[in-house]
Amino acid sequence: MPFYHKLGEIPPKRHTQFRKKDGSLYYEQLFGTIGFDGMSTNSYHEHRPTMVKKIGKQYSVKPKIAKANNIQSYRFKGFQVKPENDYLQSRKIVLTNSDCNIILAAPKQSTKEYFYKNTDADEVIFIHKGTGKLRTHLGNIDFKYGDYLVIPRGIIYKLDFDDDNNRLFIVESYSPVYTPKRYRNWFGQLLEHSPFCERDLRRPQELETYNELGDFLIKVKKQGEIIEMTYASHPFDVVGYDGYNFPYAFSIHDFEPITGRIHQPPPVHQTFETNAFVICSFVPRLYDYHPNSIPAPYNHSNIDSDEVLYYVDGDFMSRNDIDQGHISLHPAGIPHGPHPGATERSIGHTKTEELAVMVDTFKPLQVTEEAMKIADEEYYKSWLE
């Protein structure tokens, strides 16, 4: 995200002496992506952030593919994913390609025994059920129902949940996640026609600083494997930082919908983008107000992208028999549109209370074995009259 943030204590100039009360130096770390060209943060640590004591177990978490070349529309019943105690074990990849993983998770317990770092991908975690605190080496953010947590690659974090009833929809992106460029000026500021602004983005405000040596387990994800690494100092030992590369939260409830006299195309719902896919938010809004408008979307062909829609809450007017946690997959190569009766039902209605998250990928998605466990294989027939 191209906006500046500062937290804790930092020296007046980068790469200069910054000393503790006893006269010893804090350890500076440049934390950035895309080499030295992308957004970065300068952080200052009590101890060297490089002290690895042990490299332990290494194991694969790559998805097992059930359908590599898929043209069938599917509905997946996400709430059928079984809750598990451990956060990482609860993460089930249901759809995947070379650019991203789409994941469902129902963790029951907070991450207590280890820290987690994804070196492969930025993560966007949508909180469908649950409340708690995202704890990171760059500060903490409280989260609740409807929040997107945007966690850049390389952030060391834990998730603390308030109870065991948690449902997460997660997108891992192998390219950086940004706000839509058409909503930003050349300086990076969100413009007046953007459906949200910087005031809506919640930055870390609580910086945990531990001056501790010992054995600290960090589970690192790299190239689809988890590698268990033991560090000699507490990962949360940052006394201050500033820059542009840090986690933040945005609530879907703060997305201000764009409406018109006739039906607006899906890009008006866009919330995040990468060079390989977009994420959109469908929120409660007024319907189109042309006297002859049809609020339901028109049929359209998926030629260039796979469309994934995660249903959060409310009544999604273009679909029949849809419930919380359901995921629809409409793959590239075939048209899709409202279910039979949905167009007629929509006429005359003035608003919708639907809430959903959409992911449109530019490369085809592969369907995993985890997805097939919760799949409705007859969904593709649901447009027959």
Protein backbone atom coordinates (compact mmCIF):
# COMPACT_ATOMS: atom_id res chain seq x y z
CA MET A 1 0.00 0.00 0.00
CA PRO A 2 1.54 3.33 -1.00
CA PHE A 3 1.10 5.28 2.24
CA TYR A 4 3.56 6.07 5.01
CA HIS A 5 3.42 4.77 8.55
CA LYS A 6 5.66 5.21 11.60
CA LEU A 7 5.47 3.33 14.89
CA GLY A 8 7.79 3.30 17.90
CA GLU A 9 11.21 4.97 18.14
CA ILE A 10 13.49 5.54 15.14
CA PRO A 11 16.60 7.68 14.50
CA PRO A 12 16.33 10.94 12.53
CA LYS A 13 18.20 9.50 9.50
CA ARG A 14 18.27 6.08 7.88
CA HIS A 15 21.42 3.95 8.16
CA THR A 16 22.88 6.01 10.99
CA GLN A 17 23.81 5.14 14.57
CA PHE A 18 20.81 4.40 16.80
CA ARG A 19 21.91 3.49 20.29
CA LYS A 20 20.28 1.92 23.32
CA LYS A 21 20.56 3.45 26.79
CA ASP A 22 23.62 1.27 27.50
CA GLY A 23 25.37 2.64 24.41
CA SER A 24 25.06 -0.47 22.24
CA LEU A 25 23.48 -0.29 18.79
CA TYR A 26 20.01 -1.29 17.73
CA TYR A 27 20.06 -3.50 14.62
CA GLU A 28 18.53 -1.94 11.50
CA GLN A 29 16.73 -4.10 8.92
CA LEU A 30 15.43 -3.01 5.53
CA PHE A 31 12.23 -5.01 4.97
CA GLY A 32 10.97 -4.76 1.39
CA THR A 33 9.76 -6.57 -1.69
CA ILE A 34 10.60 -6.46 -5.41
CA GLY A 35 14.28 -6.05 -4.61
CA PHE A 36 15.06 -2.44 -3.74
CA ASP A 37 12.37 -1.13 -6.07
CA GLY A 38 9.16 -1.96 -4.20
CA MET A 39 7.68 -0.67 -0.97
CA SER A 40 9.91 -1.10 2.06
CA THR A 41 10.14 -0.45 5.79
CA ASN A 42 13.18 0.23 7.97
CA SER A 43 12.87 -1.51 11.33
CA TYR A 44 15.14 -1.41 14.39
CA HIS A 45 15.67 -4.54 16.50
CA GLU A 46 16.93 -5.32 19.99
CA HIS A 47 18.91 -8.25 18.55
CA ARG A 48 20.25 -9.31 15.19
CA PRO A 49 17.27 -10.60 13.14
CA THR A 50 19.63 -13.11 11.52
CA MET A 51 20.41 -15.52 14.37
CA VAL A 52 19.26 -19.00 13.30
CA LYS A 53 20.03 -21.78 15.80
CA LYS A 54 18.47 -24.74 14.03
CA ILE A 55 16.71 -25.75 10.80
CA GLY A 56 14.35 -28.58 11.56
CA LYS A 57 11.50 -30.43 9.90
CA GLN A 58 10.56 -29.59 6.29
CA TYR A 59 7.34 -30.81 4.70
CA SER A 60 5.10 -30.07 1.73
CA VAL A 61 1.80 -28.20 1.93
CA LYS A 62 1.31 -28.14 -1.84
CA PRO A 63 -2.27 -28.89 -2.90
CA LYS A 64 -3.21 -32.19 -4.49
CA ILE A 65 -4.94 -31.50 -7.80
CA ALA A 66 -8.19 -33.29 -8.64
CA LYS A 67 -8.99 -31.44 -11.89
CA ALA A 68 -6.12 -29.69 -13.65
CA ASN A 69 -8.07 -28.57 -16.74
CA ASN A 70 -11.51 -27.62 -15.56
CA ILE A 71 -14.42 -26.09 -17.49
CA GLN A 72 -17.19 -27.23 -15.14
CA SER A 73 -19.02 -24.74 -12.92
CA TYR A 74 -18.97 -25.78 -9.28
CA ARG A 75 -20.49 -24.87 -5.96
CA PHE A 76 -18.39 -25.68 -2.90
CA LYS A 77 -19.94 -25.74 0.57
CA GLY A 78 -17.22 -23.99 2.53
CA PHE A 79 -18.66 -24.45 6.01
CA GLN A 80 -18.29 -28.22 5.52
CA VAL A 81 -14.54 -27.77 5.97
CA LYS A 82 -13.84 -29.38 9.32
CA PRO A 83 -12.51 -27.10 12.09
CA GLU A 84 -9.02 -27.96 13.32
CA ASN A 85 -7.08 -26.79 16.34
CA ASP A 86 -3.89 -25.71 14.58
CA TYR A 87 -3.97 -22.62 12.35
CA LEU A 88 -1.67 -23.91 9.61
CA GLN A 89 -3.23 -27.38 9.55
CA SER A 90 -6.68 -25.80 9.23
CA ARG A 91 -5.73 -24.03 5.96
CA LYS A 92 -7.18 -26.04 3.03
CA ILE A 93 -6.30 -24.94 -0.50
CA VAL A 94 -9.43 -25.44 -2.63
CA LEU A 95 -8.45 -23.64 -5.86
CA THR A 96 -4.99 -22.88 -7.20
CA ASN A 97 -2.92 -21.72 -10.14
CA SER A 98 0.63 -20.44 -10.62
CA ASP A 99 -0.39 -16.96 -9.36
CA CYS A 100 -2.47 -17.64 -6.26
CA ASN A 101 -4.02 -20.09 -3.82
CA ILE A 102 -7.60 -19.77 -2.59
CA ILE A 103 -7.91 -21.22 0.89
CA LEU A 104 -10.59 -22.04 3.46
CA ALA A 105 -9.69 -22.31 7.13
CA ALA A 106 -11.58 -22.98 10.35
CA PRO A 107 -8.94 -22.73 13.10
CA LYS A 108 -10.11 -23.35 16.65
CA GLN A 109 -7.02 -22.23 18.53
CA SER A 110 -4.64 -19.27 18.44
CA THR A 111 -1.08 -19.76 17.20
CA LYS A 112 0.77 -20.19 20.49
CA GLU A 113 3.68 -22.57 19.94
CA TYR A 114 5.18 -20.92 16.86
CA PHE A 115 5.34 -17.86 14.67
CA TYR A 116 4.46 -17.99 10.95
CA LYS A 117 6.10 -16.35 7.94
CA ASN A 118 4.98 -16.76 4.33
CA THR A 119 7.96 -15.96 2.09
CA ASP A 120 6.13 -17.03 -1.07
CA ALA A 121 3.09 -14.80 -1.07
CA ASP A 122 1.18 -11.81 0.21
CA GLU A 123 -1.89 -12.96 2.13
CA VAL A 124 -5.37 -11.45 2.16
CA ILE A 125 -7.33 -13.02 5.03
CA PHE A 126 -11.06 -12.31 5.07
CA ILE A 127 -12.64 -12.80 8.50
CA HIS A 128 -16.04 -14.44 8.00
CA LYS A 129 -16.45 -15.61 11.58
CA GLY A 130 -14.39 -14.75 14.64
CA THR A 131 -12.72 -11.89 16.43
CA GLY A 132 -9.23 -11.45 17.78
CA LYS A 133 -5.85 -9.86 17.19
CA LEU A 134 -3.35 -10.12 14.36
CA ARG A 135 0.06 -9.95 16.07
CA THR A 136 3.08 -9.16 13.88
CA HIS A 137 6.69 -8.05 14.24
CA LEU A 138 5.52 -4.64 12.95
CA GLY A 139 2.63 -4.26 15.38
CA ASN A 140 -0.83 -5.57 16.12
CA ILE A 141 -4.28 -5.07 14.60
CA ASP A 142 -7.62 -6.10 16.13
CA PHE A 143 -9.94 -7.90 13.72
CA LYS A 144 -13.60 -8.82 13.54
CA TYR A 145 -16.31 -10.06 11.16
CA GLY A 146 -15.93 -8.54 7.71
CA ASP A 147 -12.29 -7.50 7.97
CA TYR A 148 -9.70 -8.03 5.27
CA LEU A 149 -6.24 -8.49 6.79
CA VAL A 150 -3.60 -7.67 4.17
CA ILE A 151 -0.27 -9.25 5.19
CA PRO A 152 2.72 -8.63 2.88
CA ARG A 153 5.08 -11.55 2.27
CA GLY A 154 7.78 -11.90 4.89
CA ILE A 155 5.72 -10.54 7.78
CA ILE A 156 6.16 -12.70 10.89
CA TYR A 157 2.79 -13.13 12.52
CA LYS A 158 0.44 -14.94 14.86
CA LEU A 159 -3.36 -14.97 14.98
CA ASP A 160 -4.97 -14.75 18.43
CA PHE A 161 -8.66 -15.72 18.39
CA ASP A 162 -11.15 -14.84 21.11
CA ASP A 163 -12.92 -18.22 20.86
CA ASP A 164 -12.95 -21.40 18.75
CA ASN A 165 -15.65 -20.40 16.21
CA ASN A 166 -13.59 -18.99 13.32
CA ARG A 167 -14.03 -19.10 9.54
CA LEU A 168 -11.47 -17.56 7.20
CA PHE A 169 -11.37 -17.07 3.42
CA ILE A 170 -7.73 -16.59 2.42
CA VAL A 171 -6.07 -15.62 -0.85
CA GLU A 172 -2.32 -16.11 -1.22
CA SER A 173 -0.81 -13.98 -3.98
CA TYR A 174 2.61 -14.57 -5.54
CA SER A 175 2.63 -10.94 -6.69
CA PRO A 176 2.12 -7.89 -4.44
CA VAL A 177 -1.42 -6.89 -3.45
CA TYR A 178 -2.36 -3.26 -4.08
CA THR A 179 -5.45 -1.06 -4.15
CA PRO A 180 -6.86 -0.56 -7.68
CA LYS A 181 -4.64 1.81 -9.66
CA ARG A 182 -7.62 3.59 -11.25
CA TYR A 183 -8.56 4.79 -7.76
CA ARG A 184 -5.08 6.28 -7.11
CA ASN A 185 -3.28 9.35 -8.43
CA TRP A 186 0.37 9.22 -9.53
CA PHE A 187 1.48 9.84 -5.95
CA GLY A 188 -0.51 6.83 -4.68
CA GLN A 189 -3.26 8.77 -2.91
CA LEU A 190 -6.76 7.32 -3.17
CA LEU A 191 -8.92 9.67 -5.23
CA GLU A 192 -12.37 11.14 -4.63
CA HIS A 193 -14.16 8.52 -6.77
CA SER A 194 -12.60 5.63 -4.86
CA PRO A 195 -15.10 3.53 -2.85
CA PHE A 196 -12.81 3.82 0.18
CA CYS A 197 -9.94 6.02 1.34
CA GLU A 198 -6.92 5.96 3.64
CA ARG A 199 -9.10 6.76 6.67
CA ASP A 200 -10.70 3.34 6.26
CA LEU A 201 -7.39 1.45 6.34
CA ARG A 202 -6.38 0.39 9.83
CA ARG A 203 -2.63 0.34 10.41
CA PRO A 204 -0.77 -1.40 13.26
CA GLN A 205 -0.99 0.70 16.42
CA GLU A 206 0.30 -1.62 19.15
CA LEU A 207 3.98 -2.57 18.93
CA GLU A 208 5.04 -5.55 21.06
CA THR A 209 8.76 -5.39 21.86
CA TYR A 210 10.47 -8.35 23.54
CA ASN A 211 14.14 -8.23 24.49
CA GLU A 212 14.50 -11.99 24.87
CA LEU A 213 17.00 -14.66 23.86
CA GLY A 214 16.09 -18.35 23.71
CA ASP A 215 14.51 -20.81 21.30
CA PHE A 216 11.79 -19.32 19.10
CA LEU A 217 10.13 -21.51 16.47
CA ILE A 218 9.18 -19.82 13.18
CA LYS A 219 7.35 -21.91 10.59
CA VAL A 220 8.43 -20.50 7.24
CA LYS A 221 6.55 -21.19 4.01
CA LYS A 222 8.82 -21.32 0.96
CA GLN A 223 8.03 -22.84 -2.44
CA GLY A 224 5.02 -24.72 -1.10
CA GLU A 225 6.81 -26.23 1.88
CA ILE A 226 6.86 -25.45 5.59
CA ILE A 227 10.35 -25.24 7.05
CA GLU A 228 10.68 -25.15 10.83
CA MET A 229 13.42 -22.75 11.92
CA THR A 230 14.54 -22.00 15.47
CA TYR A 231 15.75 -18.45 16.03
CA ALA A 232 17.88 -17.27 18.97
CA SER A 233 15.91 -14.06 19.64
CA HIS A 234 12.23 -13.23 19.93
CA PRO A 235 10.89 -12.24 16.48
CA PHE A 236 8.89 -9.39 18.03
CA ASP A 237 11.88 -7.33 19.15
CA VAL A 238 11.28 -4.24 16.99
CA VAL A 239 11.49 -0.94 18.90
CA GLY A 240 10.37 1.18 15.95
CA TYR A 241 10.01 1.37 12.18
CA ASP A 242 8.83 3.58 9.37
CA GLY A 243 8.03 3.12 5.71
CA TYR A 244 5.41 1.74 3.37
CA ASN A 245 5.59 -2.05 3.84
CA PHE A 246 3.43 -3.29 6.74
CA PRO A 247 0.17 -5.17 7.38
CA TYR A 248 -3.15 -3.35 7.49
CA ALA A 249 -6.87 -4.08 7.83
CA PHE A 250 -9.88 -2.93 5.83
CA SER A 251 -13.48 -3.76 6.66
CA ILE A 252 -15.82 -4.81 3.85
CA HIS A 253 -18.45 -2.78 5.74
CA ASP A 254 -16.47 0.38 4.93
CA PHE A 255 -16.63 -0.22 1.17
CA GLU A 256 -18.93 2.44 -0.32
CA PRO A 257 -20.77 0.93 -3.31
CA ILE A 258 -20.89 2.63 -6.71
CA THR A 259 -24.36 2.51 -8.26
CA GLY A 260 -26.02 3.83 -11.43
CA ARG A 261 -29.23 4.07 -13.44
CA ILE A 262 -28.47 0.73 -15.09
CA HIS A 263 -26.55 -2.32 -13.90
CA GLN A 264 -22.91 -1.56 -13.16
CA PRO A 265 -20.14 -3.99 -14.27
CA PRO A 266 -18.12 -6.01 -11.73
CA PRO A 267 -15.06 -3.65 -11.74
CA VAL A 268 -17.03 -1.11 -9.66
CA HIS A 269 -16.78 -3.62 -6.80
CA GLN A 270 -13.00 -3.96 -7.07
CA THR A 271 -11.15 -3.66 -3.76
CA PHE A 272 -7.65 -5.06 -4.37
CA GLU A 273 -5.59 -5.95 -7.42
CA THR A 274 -2.44 -7.75 -8.45
CA ASN A 275 -0.96 -8.30 -11.91
CA ALA A 276 -2.68 -11.69 -11.99
CA PHE A 277 -6.11 -11.35 -10.32
CA VAL A 278 -8.50 -8.93 -8.63
CA ILE A 279 -10.54 -9.09 -5.42
CA CYS A 280 -13.99 -7.44 -5.31
CA SER A 281 -16.46 -6.70 -2.52
CA PHE A 282 -20.23 -7.01 -3.01
CA VAL A 283 -21.96 -5.05 -0.26
CA PRO A 284 -25.48 -3.84 0.59
CA ARG A 285 -26.45 -1.15 -1.93
CA LEU A 286 -29.28 0.51 -3.81
CA TYR A 287 -30.29 -1.13 -7.06
CA ASP A 288 -30.28 0.59 -10.45
CA TYR A 289 -32.82 3.37 -10.76
CA HIS A 290 -33.63 3.56 -14.50
CA PRO A 291 -37.43 3.03 -14.74
CA ASN A 292 -36.88 -0.07 -16.91
CA SER A 293 -33.72 -1.34 -15.22
CA ILE A 294 -33.05 -5.01 -14.54
CA PRO A 295 -31.11 -5.21 -11.25
CA ALA A 296 -29.90 -8.76 -11.86
CA PRO A 297 -26.63 -9.01 -13.81
CA TYR A 298 -26.76 -9.83 -17.50
CA ASN A 299 -25.32 -13.08 -18.84
CA HIS A 300 -21.66 -12.68 -19.65
CA SER A 301 -18.91 -14.89 -21.03
CA ASN A 302 -15.90 -15.80 -18.96
CA ILE A 303 -13.34 -15.75 -21.76
CA ASP A 304 -10.30 -14.31 -19.99
CA SER A 305 -10.76 -15.23 -16.34
CA ASP A 306 -12.13 -17.69 -13.81
CA GLU A 307 -14.68 -16.15 -11.45
CA VAL A 308 -14.81 -17.25 -7.81
CA LEU A 309 -17.54 -15.86 -5.55
CA TYR A 310 -17.45 -16.45 -1.80
CA TYR A 311 -20.87 -15.86 -0.22
CA VAL A 312 -20.66 -14.16 3.17
CA ASP A 313 -24.15 -13.08 4.18
CA GLY A 314 -27.55 -11.87 2.98
CA ASP A 315 -29.58 -12.87 -0.06
CA PHE A 316 -27.49 -13.00 -3.24
CA MET A 317 -30.18 -12.10 -5.73
CA SER A 318 -28.64 -13.65 -8.87
CA ARG A 319 -28.33 -17.16 -7.42
CA ASN A 320 -30.70 -19.85 -6.19
CA ASP A 321 -29.96 -22.09 -3.19
CA ILE A 322 -26.90 -20.20 -1.91
CA ASP A 323 -25.90 -20.10 1.74
CA GLN A 324 -23.15 -18.65 3.94
CA GLY A 325 -19.70 -20.01 3.14
CA HIS A 326 -20.66 -21.32 -0.29
CA ILE A 327 -18.19 -20.74 -3.13
CA SER A 328 -19.19 -20.67 -6.79
CA LEU A 329 -16.61 -21.29 -9.50
CA HIS A 330 -17.46 -20.16 -13.03
CA PRO A 331 -14.44 -21.04 -15.19
CA ALA A 332 -13.12 -19.29 -18.27
CA GLY A 333 -14.42 -20.48 -21.61
CA ILE A 334 -18.16 -20.60 -20.90
CA PRO A 335 -20.87 -17.98 -20.22
CA HIS A 336 -22.69 -17.65 -16.93
CA GLY A 337 -25.44 -15.48 -15.53
CA PRO A 338 -28.43 -15.35 -13.19
CA HIS A 339 -30.16 -18.56 -12.23
CA PRO A 340 -33.60 -19.19 -13.76
CA GLY A 341 -36.13 -16.84 -12.19
CA ALA A 342 -33.54 -14.49 -10.70
CA THR A 343 -33.87 -11.84 -13.42
CA GLU A 344 -37.65 -11.69 -13.08
CA ARG A 345 -37.45 -11.65 -9.26
CA SER A 346 -35.08 -8.70 -9.29
CA ILE A 347 -37.35 -6.35 -11.26
CA GLY A 348 -38.96 -3.75 -9.01
CA HIS A 349 -36.62 -4.28 -6.08
CA THR A 350 -34.81 -1.18 -4.85
CA LYS A 351 -31.91 -2.57 -2.82
CA THR A 352 -29.93 -5.67 -1.88
CA GLU A 353 -28.43 -6.78 1.42
CA GLU A 354 -25.93 -9.21 -0.11
CA LEU A 355 -22.35 -9.54 1.14
CA ALA A 356 -19.75 -11.47 -0.85
CA VAL A 357 -16.09 -11.54 -1.86
CA MET A 358 -15.13 -12.20 -5.50
CA VAL A 359 -11.78 -13.29 -6.93
CA ASP A 360 -11.27 -13.10 -10.71
CA THR A 361 -8.08 -14.78 -11.91
CA PHE A 362 -6.52 -14.28 -15.33
CA LYS A 363 -5.15 -17.83 -15.44
CA PRO A 364 -7.36 -20.92 -15.08
CA LEU A 365 -7.79 -22.35 -11.60
CA GLN A 366 -7.15 -25.99 -10.79
CA VAL A 367 -9.60 -27.77 -8.50
CA THR A 368 -8.00 -29.56 -5.56
CA GLU A 369 -8.90 -32.76 -3.76
CA GLU A 370 -9.90 -30.66 -0.72
CA ALA A 371 -12.40 -28.80 -2.92
CA MET A 372 -13.93 -32.00 -4.25
CA LYS A 373 -14.71 -33.11 -0.68
CA ILE A 374 -17.18 -30.21 -0.42
CA ALA A 375 -18.25 -29.96 -4.08
CA ASP A 376 -21.76 -29.96 -5.54
CA GLU A 377 -21.06 -31.72 -8.83
CA GLU A 378 -24.60 -31.08 -10.12
CA TYR A 379 -24.30 -27.29 -9.82
CA TYR A 380 -23.47 -26.83 -13.51
CA LYS A 381 -26.98 -28.13 -14.36
CA SER A 382 -28.73 -25.53 -12.21
CA TRP A 383 -29.41 -23.23 -15.20
CA LEU A 384 -31.60 -25.82 -16.94
CA GLU A 385 -35.27 -24.77 -17.07
